[in-house]
Amino acid sequence: MGKTRPAVIVNPPSVGSMPLRIVVPVTAWNRKYATVPWLVYLKATKRNGLGKESAADCFQIKSVSLARFVSKLGDVRAEEIEEISAAIALCVGA
């Protein structure tokens, strides 16, 4: 609580009229997460700006005010967004 934490924005900019974004929080990777379908592995790269192996925790999806965003770290690959989207669908029963 009270820390700045990385997250992946998953909603397209055209969705919604309020100053909110739907985000998936990012946490440090642990090998035991490999069998958890709602945790998507994210390798640290220059492109995504992550400093260590991480996981997108799709079970903790939430809407966040734009006022809470501090800076952009980078971008995830399209394949990672697809994996994240599939994990979100699993979590919501879609």
Protein backbone atom coordinates (compact mmCIF):
# COMPACT_ATOMS: atom_id res chain seq x y z
CA MET A 1 0.00 0.00 0.00
CA GLY A 2 1.14 3.48 -0.80
CA LYS A 3 3.89 2.30 -3.17
CA THR A 4 4.23 2.98 -6.87
CA ARG A 5 3.62 -0.30 -8.67
CA PRO A 6 3.85 -1.31 -12.31
CA ALA A 7 0.72 -2.33 -14.21
CA VAL A 8 -0.33 -3.20 -17.74
CA ILE A 9 -3.09 -1.04 -19.23
CA VAL A 10 -5.47 -3.39 -21.03
CA ASN A 11 -8.38 -1.29 -22.27
CA PRO A 12 -8.29 0.37 -25.67
CA PRO A 13 -8.19 4.20 -25.47
CA SER A 14 -11.55 4.37 -27.27
CA VAL A 15 -13.39 2.60 -24.41
CA GLY A 16 -14.93 4.70 -21.67
CA SER A 17 -15.57 8.38 -21.21
CA MET A 18 -14.17 8.78 -17.69
CA PRO A 19 -10.47 9.44 -16.94
CA LEU A 20 -9.89 5.79 -15.99
CA ARG A 21 -7.85 2.91 -17.35
CA ILE A 22 -8.34 -0.79 -16.73
CA VAL A 23 -5.06 -2.20 -15.44
CA VAL A 24 -3.56 -5.54 -14.50
CA PRO A 25 -1.04 -5.17 -11.67
CA VAL A 26 2.45 -6.57 -12.14
CA THR A 27 4.25 -8.48 -9.40
CA ALA A 28 7.64 -10.19 -9.06
CA TRP A 29 7.84 -13.58 -10.76
CA ASN A 30 8.06 -16.77 -8.77
CA ARG A 31 8.59 -20.17 -10.47
CA LYS A 32 5.54 -21.60 -8.68
CA TYR A 33 3.39 -19.16 -10.72
CA ALA A 34 4.08 -21.18 -13.89
CA THR A 35 1.09 -23.43 -13.09
CA VAL A 36 -1.29 -20.57 -12.20
CA PRO A 37 -3.33 -19.68 -15.32
CA TRP A 38 -4.17 -16.09 -14.28
CA LEU A 39 -0.52 -15.12 -13.77
CA VAL A 40 1.13 -14.23 -17.08
CA TYR A 41 4.93 -14.31 -17.20
CA LEU A 42 6.61 -11.07 -18.34
CA LYS A 43 10.33 -11.23 -19.09
CA ALA A 44 12.21 -8.04 -18.19
CA THR A 45 13.24 -6.21 -21.37
CA LYS A 46 14.27 -2.72 -22.39
CA ARG A 47 11.03 -2.48 -24.34
CA ASN A 48 8.76 -3.09 -21.32
CA GLY A 49 10.99 -1.31 -18.79
CA LEU A 50 10.69 -4.00 -16.14
CA GLY A 51 13.78 -4.48 -13.99
CA LYS A 52 13.15 -8.13 -13.16
CA GLU A 53 11.14 -11.16 -14.24
CA SER A 54 7.51 -10.38 -13.44
CA ALA A 55 3.94 -11.60 -13.72
CA ALA A 56 0.75 -9.81 -14.72
CA ASP A 57 -1.79 -10.82 -12.05
CA CYS A 58 -5.01 -11.00 -14.07
CA PHE A 59 -7.09 -11.94 -11.03
CA GLN A 60 -6.52 -8.44 -9.64
CA ILE A 61 -7.73 -6.40 -12.62
CA LYS A 62 -9.07 -2.97 -11.65
CA SER A 63 -9.94 0.49 -12.92
CA VAL A 64 -7.52 3.23 -11.92
CA SER A 65 -7.79 7.00 -12.24
CA LEU A 66 -5.39 8.62 -14.70
CA ALA A 67 -4.38 10.93 -11.84
CA ARG A 68 -2.68 7.95 -10.15
CA PHE A 69 -0.34 7.23 -13.05
CA VAL A 70 3.24 8.37 -12.45
CA SER A 71 5.17 7.41 -15.59
CA LYS A 72 5.21 4.99 -18.49
CA LEU A 73 7.82 2.24 -18.14
CA GLY A 74 7.42 0.77 -21.62
CA ASP A 75 5.28 -1.44 -23.81
CA VAL A 76 4.38 -5.13 -23.69
CA ARG A 77 4.34 -7.21 -26.85
CA ALA A 78 1.08 -7.99 -28.67
CA GLU A 79 1.50 -11.69 -27.77
CA GLU A 80 1.69 -10.78 -24.08
CA ILE A 81 -1.47 -8.67 -24.33
CA GLU A 82 -3.20 -11.67 -25.93
CA GLU A 83 -2.06 -13.93 -23.07
CA ILE A 84 -3.20 -11.35 -20.52
CA SER A 85 -6.58 -10.99 -22.26
CA ALA A 86 -7.06 -14.77 -22.24
CA ALA A 87 -6.19 -14.94 -18.53
CA ILE A 88 -8.69 -12.15 -17.78
CA ALA A 89 -11.37 -14.03 -19.75
CA LEU A 90 -10.65 -17.11 -17.66
CA CYS A 91 -11.02 -15.11 -14.44
CA VAL A 92 -14.38 -13.61 -15.44
CA GLY A 93 -15.76 -16.80 -16.96
CA ALA A 94 -15.89 -15.47 -20.53
